[in-house]
Amino acid sequence: MLAEWRFVPQWRAIGAFYFNRITDLIATVTDPSDDLLVNVNEQSVIGRGLEAEVEVRTSFGLEVFRAATTQLGEIPLGSPRTQLKGRLAQSFADDPGGPVHRQDRIPQPGRQFWLKFDYALR
């Protein structure tokens, strides 16, 4: 289930509830006949959780993105209970428009400086 809300054109918020059922995960076990490690499909996992995101884009090219995800119930091995993500990006390059262009500046996608973080809480 997902809900999206725009405060104003530059601000967007998203909230989601997710439910995933994964079967036949690979597990490494010891074979009793020869004591060697073997991979078998034996595990099943149900993932449930909540996610929230906020994104802001300013008129001067600054983008701010924040997200938080938390898992509910039993947590699969190797997965964090809560994960925080963020990104800060600034677009730098616009080419000047000429007399044949309707706009005075032409944005050049992909030319930006960005800072990103990802933090997992167990």
PDB file of N, CA and C in Angstrom:
ATOM      1  N   MET A   1       0.845  -1.145   0.000  1.00  0.00           N
ATOM      2  CA  MET A   1       0.000   0.000   0.000  1.00  0.00           C
ATOM      3  C   MET A   1       0.908   1.229   0.000  1.00  0.00           C
ATOM      4  N   LEU A   2       0.556   2.215  -0.834  1.00  0.00           N
ATOM      5  CA  LEU A   2       1.397   3.392  -1.009  1.00  0.00           C
ATOM      6  C   LEU A   2       0.532   4.645  -1.033  1.00  0.00           C
ATOM      7  N   ALA A   3       1.023   5.707  -0.415  1.00  0.00           N
ATOM      8  CA  ALA A   3       0.335   6.995  -0.467  1.00  0.00           C
ATOM      9  C   ALA A   3       1.371   8.070  -0.772  1.00  0.00           C
ATOM     10  N   GLU A   4       1.043   8.973  -1.699  1.00  0.00           N
ATOM     11  CA  GLU A   4       1.938  10.071  -2.056  1.00  0.00           C
ATOM     12  C   GLU A   4       1.199  11.389  -1.867  1.00  0.00           C
ATOM     13  N   TRP A   5       1.922  12.377  -1.363  1.00  0.00           N
ATOM     14  CA  TRP A   5       1.316  13.670  -1.090  1.00  0.00           C
ATOM     15  C   TRP A   5       2.285  14.764  -1.524  1.00  0.00           C
ATOM     16  N   ARG A   6       1.800  15.719  -2.294  1.00  0.00           N
ATOM     17  CA  ARG A   6       2.593  16.888  -2.685  1.00  0.00           C
ATOM     18  C   ARG A   6       2.103  18.093  -1.895  1.00  0.00           C
ATOM     19  N   PHE A   7       2.974  18.641  -1.063  1.00  0.00           N
ATOM     20  CA  PHE A   7       2.645  19.824  -0.276  1.00  0.00           C
ATOM     21  C   PHE A   7       2.486  21.010  -1.223  1.00  0.00           C
ATOM     22  N   VAL A   8       3.533  21.263  -1.966  1.00  0.00           N
ATOM     23  CA  VAL A   8       3.612  22.278  -3.010  1.00  0.00           C
ATOM     24  C   VAL A   8       4.386  21.600  -4.145  1.00  0.00           C
ATOM     25  N   PRO A   9       4.485  22.203  -5.315  1.00  0.00           N
ATOM     26  CA  PRO A   9       5.159  21.498  -6.420  1.00  0.00           C
ATOM     27  C   PRO A   9       6.580  21.004  -6.110  1.00  0.00           C
ATOM     28  N   GLN A  10       7.299  21.695  -5.210  1.00  0.00           N
ATOM     29  CA  GLN A  10       8.688  21.303  -4.927  1.00  0.00           C
ATOM     30  C   GLN A  10       8.812  20.228  -3.851  1.00  0.00           C
ATOM     31  N   TRP A  11       7.790  19.966  -3.072  1.00  0.00           N
ATOM     32  CA  TRP A  11       7.853  19.025  -1.951  1.00  0.00           C
ATOM     33  C   TRP A  11       6.985  17.811  -2.246  1.00  0.00           C
ATOM     34  N   ARG A  12       7.528  16.624  -1.947  1.00  0.00           N
ATOM     35  CA  ARG A  12       6.772  15.392  -2.123  1.00  0.00           C
ATOM     36  C   ARG A  12       7.054  14.460  -0.941  1.00  0.00           C
ATOM     37  N   ALA A  13       6.018  13.842  -0.415  1.00  0.00           N
ATOM     38  CA  ALA A  13       6.161  12.863   0.671  1.00  0.00           C
ATOM     39  C   ALA A  13       5.479  11.570   0.245  1.00  0.00           C
ATOM     40  N   ILE A  14       6.092  10.452   0.605  1.00  0.00           N
ATOM     41  CA  ILE A  14       5.553   9.129   0.276  1.00  0.00           C
ATOM     42  C   ILE A  14       5.591   8.276   1.532  1.00  0.00           C
ATOM     43  N   GLY A  15       4.526   7.550   1.775  1.00  0.00           N
ATOM     44  CA  GLY A  15       4.467   6.579   2.861  1.00  0.00           C
ATOM     45  C   GLY A  15       4.028   5.241   2.290  1.00  0.00           C
ATOM     46  N   ALA A  16       4.619   4.159   2.765  1.00  0.00           N
ATOM     47  CA  ALA A  16       4.290   2.838   2.220  1.00  0.00           C
ATOM     48  C   ALA A  16       4.320   1.785   3.317  1.00  0.00           C
ATOM     49  N   PHE A  17       3.458   0.805   3.169  1.00  0.00           N
ATOM     50  CA  PHE A  17       3.490  -0.415   3.972  1.00  0.00           C
ATOM     51  C   PHE A  17       3.756  -1.544   2.998  1.00  0.00           C
ATOM     52  N   TYR A  18       4.709  -2.416   3.331  1.00  0.00           N
ATOM     53  CA  TYR A  18       4.998  -3.514   2.416  1.00  0.00           C
ATOM     54  C   TYR A  18       4.902  -4.866   3.120  1.00  0.00           C
ATOM     55  N   PHE A  19       4.620  -5.885   2.320  1.00  0.00           N
ATOM     56  CA  PHE A  19       4.529  -7.265   2.782  1.00  0.00           C
ATOM     57  C   PHE A  19       5.138  -8.140   1.685  1.00  0.00           C
ATOM     58  N   ASN A  20       6.211  -8.860   2.004  1.00  0.00           N
ATOM     59  CA  ASN A  20       6.881  -9.745   1.052  1.00  0.00           C
ATOM     60  C   ASN A  20       6.993 -11.143   1.647  1.00  0.00           C
ATOM     61  N   ARG A  21       6.674 -12.140   0.847  1.00  0.00           N
ATOM     62  CA  ARG A  21       6.866 -13.538   1.260  1.00  0.00           C
ATOM     63  C   ARG A  21       7.868 -14.147   0.287  1.00  0.00           C
ATOM     64  N   ILE A  22       8.993 -14.591   0.823  1.00  0.00           N
ATOM     65  CA  ILE A  22      10.060 -15.164   0.006  1.00  0.00           C
ATOM     66  C   ILE A  22      10.274 -16.605   0.460  1.00  0.00           C
ATOM     67  N   THR A  23      10.267 -17.520  -0.497  1.00  0.00           N
ATOM     68  CA  THR A  23      10.456 -18.935  -0.168  1.00  0.00           C
ATOM     69  C   THR A  23      11.714 -19.458  -0.844  1.00  0.00           C
ATOM     70  N   ASP A  24      12.165 -20.588  -0.351  1.00  0.00           N
ATOM     71  CA  ASP A  24      13.331 -21.295  -0.901  1.00  0.00           C
ATOM     72  C   ASP A  24      14.611 -20.470  -0.877  1.00  0.00           C
ATOM     73  N   LEU A  25      14.847 -19.762   0.219  1.00  0.00           N
ATOM     74  CA  LEU A  25      16.119 -19.083   0.383  1.00  0.00           C
ATOM     75  C   LEU A  25      17.216 -20.116   0.564  1.00  0.00           C
ATOM     76  N   ILE A  26      18.382 -19.792   0.067  1.00  0.00           N
ATOM     77  CA  ILE A  26      19.497 -20.738   0.142  1.00  0.00           C
ATOM     78  C   ILE A  26      20.153 -20.642   1.509  1.00  0.00           C
ATOM     79  N   ALA A  27      20.372 -21.788   2.116  1.00  0.00           N
ATOM     80  CA  ALA A  27      21.064 -21.868   3.403  1.00  0.00           C
ATOM     81  C   ALA A  27      22.242 -22.833   3.245  1.00  0.00           C
ATOM     82  N   THR A  28      23.337 -22.552   3.913  1.00  0.00           N
ATOM     83  CA  THR A  28      24.498 -23.435   3.905  1.00  0.00           C
ATOM     84  C   THR A  28      24.430 -24.308   5.147  1.00  0.00           C
ATOM     85  N   VAL A  29      24.413 -25.617   4.926  1.00  0.00           N
ATOM     86  CA  VAL A  29      24.323 -26.584   6.028  1.00  0.00           C
ATOM     87  C   VAL A  29      25.399 -27.642   5.857  1.00  0.00           C
ATOM     88  N   THR A  30      25.640 -28.385   6.924  1.00  0.00           N
ATOM     89  CA  THR A  30      26.609 -29.476   6.877  1.00  0.00           C
ATOM     90  C   THR A  30      25.898 -30.763   6.477  1.00  0.00           C
ATOM     91  N   ASP A  31      26.434 -31.419   5.452  1.00  0.00           N
ATOM     92  CA  ASP A  31      25.886 -32.701   4.996  1.00  0.00           C
ATOM     93  C   ASP A  31      26.285 -33.766   6.018  1.00  0.00           C
ATOM     94  N   PRO A  32      25.320 -34.471   6.645  1.00  0.00           N
ATOM     95  CA  PRO A  32      25.670 -35.446   7.677  1.00  0.00           C
ATOM     96  C   PRO A  32      26.441 -36.656   7.137  1.00  0.00           C
ATOM     97  N   SER A  33      26.341 -36.929   5.840  1.00  0.00           N
ATOM     98  CA  SER A  33      27.028 -38.114   5.311  1.00  0.00           C
ATOM     99  C   SER A  33      28.527 -37.915   5.163  1.00  0.00           C
ATOM    100  N   ASP A  34      28.982 -36.687   4.875  1.00  0.00           N
ATOM    101  CA  ASP A  34      30.424 -36.471   4.676  1.00  0.00           C
ATOM    102  C   ASP A  34      30.966 -35.224   5.377  1.00  0.00           C
ATOM    103  N   ASP A  35      30.161 -34.557   6.171  1.00  0.00           N
ATOM    104  CA  ASP A  35      30.547 -33.359   6.923  1.00  0.00           C
ATOM    105  C   ASP A  35      31.034 -32.200   6.046  1.00  0.00           C
ATOM    106  N   LEU A  36      30.634 -32.175   4.788  1.00  0.00           N
ATOM    107  CA  LEU A  36      30.964 -31.054   3.912  1.00  0.00           C
ATOM    108  C   LEU A  36      29.805 -30.058   3.902  1.00  0.00           C
ATOM    109  N   LEU A  37      30.130 -28.802   3.624  1.00  0.00           N
ATOM    110  CA  LEU A  37      29.095 -27.784   3.539  1.00  0.00           C
ATOM    111  C   LEU A  37      28.406 -27.854   2.182  1.00  0.00           C
ATOM    112  N   VAL A  38      27.084 -27.799   2.204  1.00  0.00           N
ATOM    113  CA  VAL A  38      26.295 -27.800   0.974  1.00  0.00           C
ATOM    114  C   VAL A  38      25.243 -26.696   1.060  1.00  0.00           C
ATOM    115  N   ASN A  39      24.814 -26.227  -0.093  1.00  0.00           N
ATOM    116  CA  ASN A  39      23.762 -25.214  -0.162  1.00  0.00           C
ATOM    117  C   ASN A  39      22.440 -25.893  -0.484  1.00  0.00           C
ATOM    118  N   VAL A  40      21.412 -25.564   0.293  1.00  0.00           N
ATOM    119  CA  VAL A  40      20.090 -26.142   0.078  1.00  0.00           C
ATOM    120  C   VAL A  40      19.037 -25.031   0.139  1.00  0.00           C
ATOM    121  N   ASN A  41      17.932 -25.250  -0.556  1.00  0.00           N
ATOM    122  CA  ASN A  41      16.805 -24.318  -0.498  1.00  0.00           C
ATOM    123  C   ASN A  41      15.904 -24.763   0.639  1.00  0.00           C
ATOM    124  N   GLU A  42      15.930 -24.041   1.735  1.00  0.00           N
ATOM    125  CA  GLU A  42      15.139 -24.501   2.871  1.00  0.00           C
ATOM    126  C   GLU A  42      14.427 -23.409   3.645  1.00  0.00           C
ATOM    127  N   GLN A  43      14.871 -22.182   3.534  1.00  0.00           N
ATOM    128  CA  GLN A  43      14.319 -21.142   4.388  1.00  0.00           C
ATOM    129  C   GLN A  43      13.213 -20.365   3.695  1.00  0.00           C
ATOM    130  N   SER A  44      12.297 -19.852   4.488  1.00  0.00           N
ATOM    131  CA  SER A  44      11.253 -18.946   4.030  1.00  0.00           C
ATOM    132  C   SER A  44      11.260 -17.723   4.946  1.00  0.00           C
ATOM    133  N   VAL A  45      10.981 -16.569   4.371  1.00  0.00           N
ATOM    134  CA  VAL A  45      10.993 -15.333   5.134  1.00  0.00           C
ATOM    135  C   VAL A  45       9.766 -14.514   4.759  1.00  0.00           C
ATOM    136  N   ILE A  46       9.174 -13.887   5.752  1.00  0.00           N
ATOM    137  CA  ILE A  46       8.101 -12.929   5.519  1.00  0.00           C
ATOM    138  C   ILE A  46       8.608 -11.580   5.991  1.00  0.00           C
ATOM    139  N   GLY A  47       8.607 -10.627   5.079  1.00  0.00           N
ATOM    140  CA  GLY A  47       9.066  -9.279   5.409  1.00  0.00           C
ATOM    141  C   GLY A  47       7.891  -8.315   5.434  1.00  0.00           C
ATOM    142  N   ARG A  48       7.764  -7.589   6.533  1.00  0.00           N
ATOM    143  CA  ARG A  48       6.721  -6.561   6.658  1.00  0.00           C
ATOM    144  C   ARG A  48       7.399  -5.308   7.178  1.00  0.00           C
ATOM    145  N   GLY A  49       6.920  -4.173   6.713  1.00  0.00           N
ATOM    146  CA  GLY A  49       7.540  -2.961   7.215  1.00  0.00           C
ATOM    147  C   GLY A  49       6.875  -1.701   6.716  1.00  0.00           C
ATOM    148  N   LEU A  50       7.446  -0.588   7.158  1.00  0.00           N
ATOM    149  CA  LEU A  50       6.959   0.746   6.818  1.00  0.00           C
ATOM    150  C   LEU A  50       8.105   1.545   6.216  1.00  0.00           C
ATOM    151  N   GLU A  51       7.771   2.398   5.259  1.00  0.00           N
ATOM    152  CA  GLU A  51       8.784   3.253   4.648  1.00  0.00           C
ATOM    153  C   GLU A  51       8.206   4.652   4.459  1.00  0.00           C
ATOM    154  N   ALA A  52       9.031   5.649   4.718  1.00  0.00           N
ATOM    155  CA  ALA A  52       8.635   7.049   4.524  1.00  0.00           C
ATOM    156  C   ALA A  52       9.745   7.774   3.778  1.00  0.00           C
ATOM    157  N   GLU A  53       9.351   8.607   2.816  1.00  0.00           N
ATOM    158  CA  GLU A  53      10.313   9.381   2.036  1.00  0.00           C
ATOM    159  C   GLU A  53       9.846  10.833   1.942  1.00  0.00           C
ATOM    160  N   VAL A  54      10.810  11.740   1.896  1.00  0.00           N
ATOM    161  CA  VAL A  54      10.537  13.155   1.657  1.00  0.00           C
ATOM    162  C   VAL A  54      11.552  13.630   0.621  1.00  0.00           C
ATOM    163  N   GLU A  55      11.055  14.347  -0.376  1.00  0.00           N
ATOM    164  CA  GLU A  55      11.924  14.856  -1.435  1.00  0.00           C
ATOM    165  C   GLU A  55      11.593  16.327  -1.686  1.00  0.00           C
ATOM    166  N   VAL A  56      12.646  17.147  -1.807  1.00  0.00           N
ATOM    167  CA  VAL A  56      12.491  18.578  -2.057  1.00  0.00           C
ATOM    168  C   VAL A  56      13.390  18.945  -3.233  1.00  0.00           C
ATOM    169  N   ARG A  57      12.842  19.713  -4.170  1.00  0.00           N
ATOM    170  CA  ARG A  57      13.622  20.230  -5.304  1.00  0.00           C
ATOM    171  C   ARG A  57      13.417  21.736  -5.364  1.00  0.00           C
ATOM    172  N   THR A  58      14.512  22.463  -5.264  1.00  0.00           N
ATOM    173  CA  THR A  58      14.412  23.915  -5.268  1.00  0.00           C
ATOM    174  C   THR A  58      14.558  24.462  -6.685  1.00  0.00           C
ATOM    175  N   SER A  59      14.184  25.715  -6.857  1.00  0.00           N
ATOM    176  CA  SER A  59      14.265  26.344  -8.178  1.00  0.00           C
ATOM    177  C   SER A  59      15.704  26.580  -8.623  1.00  0.00           C
ATOM    178  N   PHE A  60      16.660  26.595  -7.686  1.00  0.00           N
ATOM    179  CA  PHE A  60      18.062  26.809  -8.056  1.00  0.00           C
ATOM    180  C   PHE A  60      18.852  25.509  -8.163  1.00  0.00           C
ATOM    181  N   GLY A  61      18.149  24.349  -8.275  1.00  0.00           N
ATOM    182  CA  GLY A  61      18.814  23.090  -8.589  1.00  0.00           C
ATOM    183  C   GLY A  61      19.215  22.212  -7.414  1.00  0.00           C
ATOM    184  N   LEU A  62      18.891  22.609  -6.187  1.00  0.00           N
ATOM    185  CA  LEU A  62      19.237  21.785  -5.035  1.00  0.00           C
ATOM    186  C   LEU A  62      18.164  20.714  -4.829  1.00  0.00           C
ATOM    187  N   GLU A  63      18.597  19.468  -4.648  1.00  0.00           N
ATOM    188  CA  GLU A  63      17.682  18.356  -4.384  1.00  0.00           C
ATOM    189  C   GLU A  63      18.040  17.731  -3.044  1.00  0.00           C
ATOM    190  N   VAL A  64      17.037  17.530  -2.192  1.00  0.00           N
ATOM    191  CA  VAL A  64      17.228  16.887  -0.892  1.00  0.00           C
ATOM    192  C   VAL A  64      16.277  15.708  -0.830  1.00  0.00           C
ATOM    193  N   PHE A  65      16.809  14.540  -0.475  1.00  0.00           N
ATOM    194  CA  PHE A  65      16.016  13.313  -0.388  1.00  0.00           C
ATOM    195  C   PHE A  65      16.342  12.627   0.928  1.00  0.00           C
ATOM    196  N   ARG A  66      15.301  12.230   1.681  1.00  0.00           N
ATOM    197  CA  ARG A  66      15.475  11.489   2.933  1.00  0.00           C
ATOM    198  C   ARG A  66      14.503  10.325   2.935  1.00  0.00           C
ATOM    199  N   ALA A  67      14.931   9.180   3.429  1.00  0.00           N
ATOM    200  CA  ALA A  67      14.067   8.000   3.520  1.00  0.00           C
ATOM    201  C   ALA A  67      14.396   7.231   4.785  1.00  0.00           C
ATOM    202  N   ALA A  68      13.374   6.646   5.377  1.00  0.00           N
ATOM    203  CA  ALA A  68      13.533   5.792   6.550  1.00  0.00           C
ATOM    204  C   ALA A  68      12.661   4.561   6.352  1.00  0.00           C
ATOM    205  N   THR A  69      13.231   3.396   6.608  1.00  0.00           N
ATOM    206  CA  THR A  69      12.514   2.133   6.474  1.00  0.00           C
ATOM    207  C   THR A  69      12.694   1.344   7.765  1.00  0.00           C
ATOM    208  N   THR A  70      11.635   0.741   8.243  1.00  0.00           N
ATOM    209  CA  THR A  70      11.732  -0.121   9.413  1.00  0.00           C
ATOM    210  C   THR A  70      10.965  -1.411   9.145  1.00  0.00           C
ATOM    211  N   GLN A  71      11.579  -2.526   9.545  1.00  0.00           N
ATOM    212  CA  GLN A  71      10.945  -3.825   9.378  1.00  0.00           C
ATOM    213  C   GLN A  71      10.224  -4.205  10.670  1.00  0.00           C
ATOM    214  N   LEU A  72       9.086  -4.836  10.515  1.00  0.00           N
ATOM    215  CA  LEU A  72       8.271  -5.259  11.650  1.00  0.00           C
ATOM    216  C   LEU A  72       8.367  -6.765  11.809  1.00  0.00           C
ATOM    217  N   GLY A  73       8.189  -7.244  13.022  1.00  0.00           N
ATOM    218  CA  GLY A  73       8.188  -8.683  13.260  1.00  0.00           C
ATOM    219  C   GLY A  73       9.588  -9.270  13.215  1.00  0.00           C
ATOM    220  N   GLU A  74       9.683 -10.529  12.784  1.00  0.00           N
ATOM    221  CA  GLU A  74      10.961 -11.234  12.722  1.00  0.00           C
ATOM    222  C   GLU A  74      11.828 -10.647  11.609  1.00  0.00           C
ATOM    223  N   ILE A  75      13.091 -10.387  11.920  1.00  0.00           N
ATOM    224  CA  ILE A  75      14.008  -9.780  10.966  1.00  0.00           C
ATOM    225  C   ILE A  75      14.884 -10.879  10.365  1.00  0.00           C
ATOM    226  N   PRO A  76      14.942 -10.990   9.040  1.00  0.00           N
ATOM    227  CA  PRO A  76      15.805 -11.994   8.421  1.00  0.00           C
ATOM    228  C   PRO A  76      17.269 -11.764   8.778  1.00  0.00           C
ATOM    229  N   LEU A  77      18.038 -12.836   8.841  1.00  0.00           N
ATOM    230  CA  LEU A  77      19.455 -12.766   9.159  1.00  0.00           C
ATOM    231  C   LEU A  77      20.164 -11.859   8.159  1.00  0.00           C
ATOM    232  N   GLY A  78      20.962 -10.953   8.653  1.00  0.00           N
ATOM    233  CA  GLY A  78      21.706 -10.051   7.791  1.00  0.00           C
ATOM    234  C   GLY A  78      20.946  -8.809   7.361  1.00  0.00           C
ATOM    235  N   SER A  79      19.712  -8.654   7.800  1.00  0.00           N
ATOM    236  CA  SER A  79      18.922  -7.475   7.445  1.00  0.00           C
ATOM    237  C   SER A  79      18.831  -6.526   8.634  1.00  0.00           C
ATOM    238  N   PRO A  80      18.906  -5.226   8.386  1.00  0.00           N
ATOM    239  CA  PRO A  80      18.757  -4.274   9.480  1.00  0.00           C
ATOM    240  C   PRO A  80      17.288  -4.082   9.835  1.00  0.00           C
ATOM    241  N   ARG A  81      17.019  -3.771  11.091  1.00  0.00           N
ATOM    242  CA  ARG A  81      15.648  -3.454  11.492  1.00  0.00           C
ATOM    243  C   ARG A  81      15.238  -2.105  10.911  1.00  0.00           C
ATOM    244  N   THR A  82      16.142  -1.122  10.974  1.00  0.00           N
ATOM    245  CA  THR A  82      15.846   0.221  10.477  1.00  0.00           C
ATOM    246  C   THR A  82      16.977   0.672   9.568  1.00  0.00           C
ATOM    247  N   GLN A  83      16.612   1.326   8.485  1.00  0.00           N
ATOM    248  CA  GLN A  83      17.605   1.841   7.560  1.00  0.00           C
ATOM    249  C   GLN A  83      17.265   3.290   7.221  1.00  0.00           C
ATOM    250  N   LEU A  84      18.276   4.155   7.267  1.00  0.00           N
ATOM    251  CA  LEU A  84      18.115   5.568   6.950  1.00  0.00           C
ATOM    252  C   LEU A  84      18.938   5.891   5.715  1.00  0.00           C
ATOM    253  N   LYS A  85      18.347   6.650   4.800  1.00  0.00           N
ATOM    254  CA  LYS A  85      19.054   7.036   3.588  1.00  0.00           C
ATOM    255  C   LYS A  85      18.843   8.514   3.335  1.00  0.00           C
ATOM    256  N   GLY A  86      19.814   9.119   2.678  1.00  0.00           N
ATOM    257  CA  GLY A  86      19.682  10.514   2.325  1.00  0.00           C
ATOM    258  C   GLY A  86      20.568  10.867   1.148  1.00  0.00           C
ATOM    259  N   ARG A  87      20.191  11.919   0.466  1.00  0.00           N
ATOM    260  CA  ARG A  87      20.973  12.397  -0.671  1.00  0.00           C
ATOM    261  C   ARG A  87      20.792  13.908  -0.773  1.00  0.00           C
ATOM    262  N   LEU A  88      21.886  14.582  -1.024  1.00  0.00           N
ATOM    263  CA  LEU A  88      21.887  16.019  -1.250  1.00  0.00           C
ATOM    264  C   LEU A  88      22.612  16.238  -2.566  1.00  0.00           C
ATOM    265  N   ALA A  89      21.951  16.839  -3.528  1.00  0.00           N
ATOM    266  CA  ALA A  89      22.548  17.033  -4.849  1.00  0.00           C
ATOM    267  C   ALA A  89      22.348  18.474  -5.298  1.00  0.00           C
ATOM    268  N   GLN A  90      23.346  18.983  -5.985  1.00  0.00           N
ATOM    269  CA  GLN A  90      23.282  20.340  -6.530  1.00  0.00           C
ATOM    270  C   GLN A  90      23.679  20.291  -7.997  1.00  0.00           C
ATOM    271  N   SER A  91      22.774  20.708  -8.854  1.00  0.00           N
ATOM    272  CA  SER A  91      23.084  20.792 -10.277  1.00  0.00           C
ATOM    273  C   SER A  91      23.882  22.061 -10.515  1.00  0.00           C
ATOM    274  N   PHE A  92      24.963  21.945 -11.288  1.00  0.00           N
ATOM    275  CA  PHE A  92      25.845  23.084 -11.496  1.00  0.00           C
ATOM    276  C   PHE A  92      25.818  23.646 -12.904  1.00  0.00           C
ATOM    277  N   ALA A  93      25.625  22.818 -13.887  1.00  0.00           N
ATOM    278  CA  ALA A  93      25.887  23.262 -15.249  1.00  0.00           C
ATOM    279  C   ALA A  93      24.615  23.521 -16.034  1.00  0.00           C
ATOM    280  N   ASP A  94      24.442  24.746 -16.424  1.00  0.00           N
ATOM    281  CA  ASP A  94      23.447  25.129 -17.412  1.00  0.00           C
ATOM    282  C   ASP A  94      24.221  25.822 -18.530  1.00  0.00           C
ATOM    283  N   ASP A  95      23.889  25.482 -19.739  1.00  0.00           N
ATOM    284  CA  ASP A  95      24.517  26.163 -20.871  1.00  0.00           C
ATOM    285  C   ASP A  95      23.671  27.378 -21.227  1.00  0.00           C
ATOM    286  N   PRO A  96      24.311  28.469 -21.629  1.00  0.00           N
ATOM    287  CA  PRO A  96      23.526  29.645 -22.015  1.00  0.00           C
ATOM    288  C   PRO A  96      22.757  29.375 -23.304  1.00  0.00           C
ATOM    289  N   GLY A  97      21.535  29.848 -23.336  1.00  0.00           N
ATOM    290  CA  GLY A  97      20.725  29.718 -24.543  1.00  0.00           C
ATOM    291  C   GLY A  97      21.059  30.834 -25.524  1.00  0.00           C
ATOM    292  N   GLY A  98      20.888  30.537 -26.788  1.00  0.00           N
ATOM    293  CA  GLY A  98      21.161  31.533 -27.826  1.00  0.00           C
ATOM    294  C   GLY A  98      19.871  32.124 -28.364  1.00  0.00           C
ATOM    295  N   PRO A  99      19.959  32.915 -29.407  1.00  0.00           N
ATOM    296  CA  PRO A  99      18.781  33.567 -29.965  1.00  0.00           C
ATOM    297  C   PRO A  99      17.758  32.578 -30.532  1.00  0.00           C
ATOM    298  N   VAL A 100      18.190  31.361 -30.846  1.00  0.00           N
ATOM    299  CA  VAL A 100      17.254  30.370 -31.405  1.00  0.00           C
ATOM    300  C   VAL A 100      16.512  29.597 -30.305  1.00  0.00           C
ATOM    301  N   HIS A 101      16.874  29.797 -29.034  1.00  0.00           N
ATOM    302  CA  HIS A 101      16.256  29.082 -27.921  1.00  0.00           C
ATOM    303  C   HIS A 101      15.232  29.966 -27.219  1.00  0.00           C
ATOM    304  N   ARG A 102      14.167  29.344 -26.725  1.00  0.00           N
ATOM    305  CA  ARG A 102      13.135  30.089 -26.002  1.00  0.00           C
ATOM    306  C   ARG A 102      13.564  30.434 -24.576  1.00  0.00           C
ATOM    307  N   GLN A 103      14.455  29.625 -23.974  1.00  0.00           N
ATOM    308  CA  GLN A 103      14.898  29.881 -22.614  1.00  0.00           C
ATOM    309  C   GLN A 103      16.314  30.462 -22.617  1.00  0.00           C
ATOM    310  N   ASP A 104      16.642  31.219 -21.560  1.00  0.00           N
ATOM    311  CA  ASP A 104      17.964  31.834 -21.507  1.00  0.00           C
ATOM    312  C   ASP A 104      19.028  30.865 -20.993  1.00  0.00           C
ATOM    313  N   ARG A 105      18.631  29.783 -20.262  1.00  0.00           N
ATOM    314  CA  ARG A 105      19.571  28.774 -19.756  1.00  0.00           C
ATOM    315  C   ARG A 105      19.027  27.403 -20.141  1.00  0.00           C
ATOM    316  N   ILE A 106      19.910  26.505 -20.575  1.00  0.00           N
ATOM    317  CA  ILE A 106      19.520  25.148 -20.955  1.00  0.00           C
ATOM    318  C   ILE A 106      20.129  24.181 -19.950  1.00  0.00           C
ATOM    319  N   PRO A 107      19.287  23.498 -19.125  1.00  0.00           N
ATOM    320  CA  PRO A 107      19.818  22.567 -18.122  1.00  0.00           C
ATOM    321  C   PRO A 107      20.536  21.389 -18.790  1.00  0.00           C
ATOM    322  N   GLN A 108      21.612  20.962 -18.167  1.00  0.00           N
ATOM    323  CA  GLN A 108      22.374  19.816 -18.656  1.00  0.00           C
ATOM    324  C   GLN A 108      22.280  18.706 -17.604  1.00  0.00           C
ATOM    325  N   PRO A 109      21.373  17.744 -17.786  1.00  0.00           N
ATOM    326  CA  PRO A 109      21.190  16.676 -16.800  1.00  0.00           C
ATOM    327  C   PRO A 109      22.482  15.890 -16.575  1.00  0.00           C
ATOM    328  N   GLY A 110      22.676  15.488 -15.344  1.00  0.00           N
ATOM    329  CA  GLY A 110      23.822  14.655 -15.007  1.00  0.00           C
ATOM    330  C   GLY A 110      25.037  15.417 -14.529  1.00  0.00           C
ATOM    331  N   ARG A 111      25.056  16.710 -14.701  1.00  0.00           N
ATOM    332  CA  ARG A 111      26.190  17.500 -14.215  1.00  0.00           C
ATOM    333  C   ARG A 111      25.835  18.033 -12.844  1.00  0.00           C
ATOM    334  N   GLN A 112      26.210  17.270 -11.824  1.00  0.00           N
ATOM    335  CA  GLN A 112      25.871  17.695 -10.473  1.00  0.00           C
ATOM    336  C   GLN A 112      26.846  17.128  -9.465  1.00  0.00           C
ATOM    337  N   PHE A 113      26.911  17.787  -8.344  1.00  0.00           N
ATOM    338  CA  PHE A 113      27.670  17.332  -7.186  1.00  0.00           C
ATOM    339  C   PHE A 113      26.661  16.740  -6.222  1.00  0.00           C
ATOM    340  N   TRP A 114      26.962  15.563  -5.659  1.00  0.00           N
ATOM    341  CA  TRP A 114      26.018  14.984  -4.707  1.00  0.00           C
ATOM    342  C   TRP A 114      26.738  14.341  -3.542  1.00  0.00           C
ATOM    343  N   LEU A 115      26.037  14.276  -2.459  1.00  0.00           N
ATOM    344  CA  LEU A 115      26.486  13.679  -1.212  1.00  0.00           C
ATOM    345  C   LEU A 115      25.423  12.686  -0.795  1.00  0.00           C
ATOM    346  N   LYS A 116      25.804  11.484  -0.430  1.00  0.00           N
ATOM    347  CA  LYS A 116      24.840  10.428  -0.138  1.00  0.00           C
ATOM    348  C   LYS A 116      25.236   9.724   1.155  1.00  0.00           C
ATOM    349  N   PHE A 117      24.229   9.311   1.940  1.00  0.00           N
ATOM    350  CA  PHE A 117      24.514   8.499   3.120  1.00  0.00           C
ATOM    351  C   PHE A 117      23.492   7.375   3.221  1.00  0.00           C
ATOM    352  N   ASP A 118      23.925   6.306   3.848  1.00  0.00           N
ATOM    353  CA  ASP A 118      23.093   5.126   4.054  1.00  0.00           C
ATOM    354  C   ASP A 118      23.529   4.542   5.395  1.00  0.00           C
ATOM    355  N   TYR A 119      22.611   4.411   6.330  1.00  0.00           N
ATOM    356  CA  TYR A 119      22.943   3.939   7.674  1.00  0.00           C
ATOM    357  C   TYR A 119      21.951   2.878   8.105  1.00  0.00           C
ATOM    358  N   ALA A 120      22.454   1.756   8.567  1.00  0.00           N
ATOM    359  CA  ALA A 120      21.584   0.653   9.006  1.00  0.00           C
ATOM    360  C   ALA A 120      21.703   0.484  10.517  1.00  0.00           C
ATOM    361  N   LEU A 121      20.571   0.343  11.178  1.00  0.00           N
ATOM    362  CA  LEU A 121      20.505   0.115  12.628  1.00  0.00           C
ATOM    363  C   LEU A 121      20.019  -1.307  12.859  1.00  0.00           C
ATOM    364  N   ARG A 122      20.730  -2.060  13.616  1.00  0.00           N
ATOM    365  CA  ARG A 122      20.351  -3.464  13.863  1.00  0.00           C
ATOM    366  C   ARG A 122      19.508  -3.574  15.103  1.00  0.00           C
TER     367      ARG A 122
END
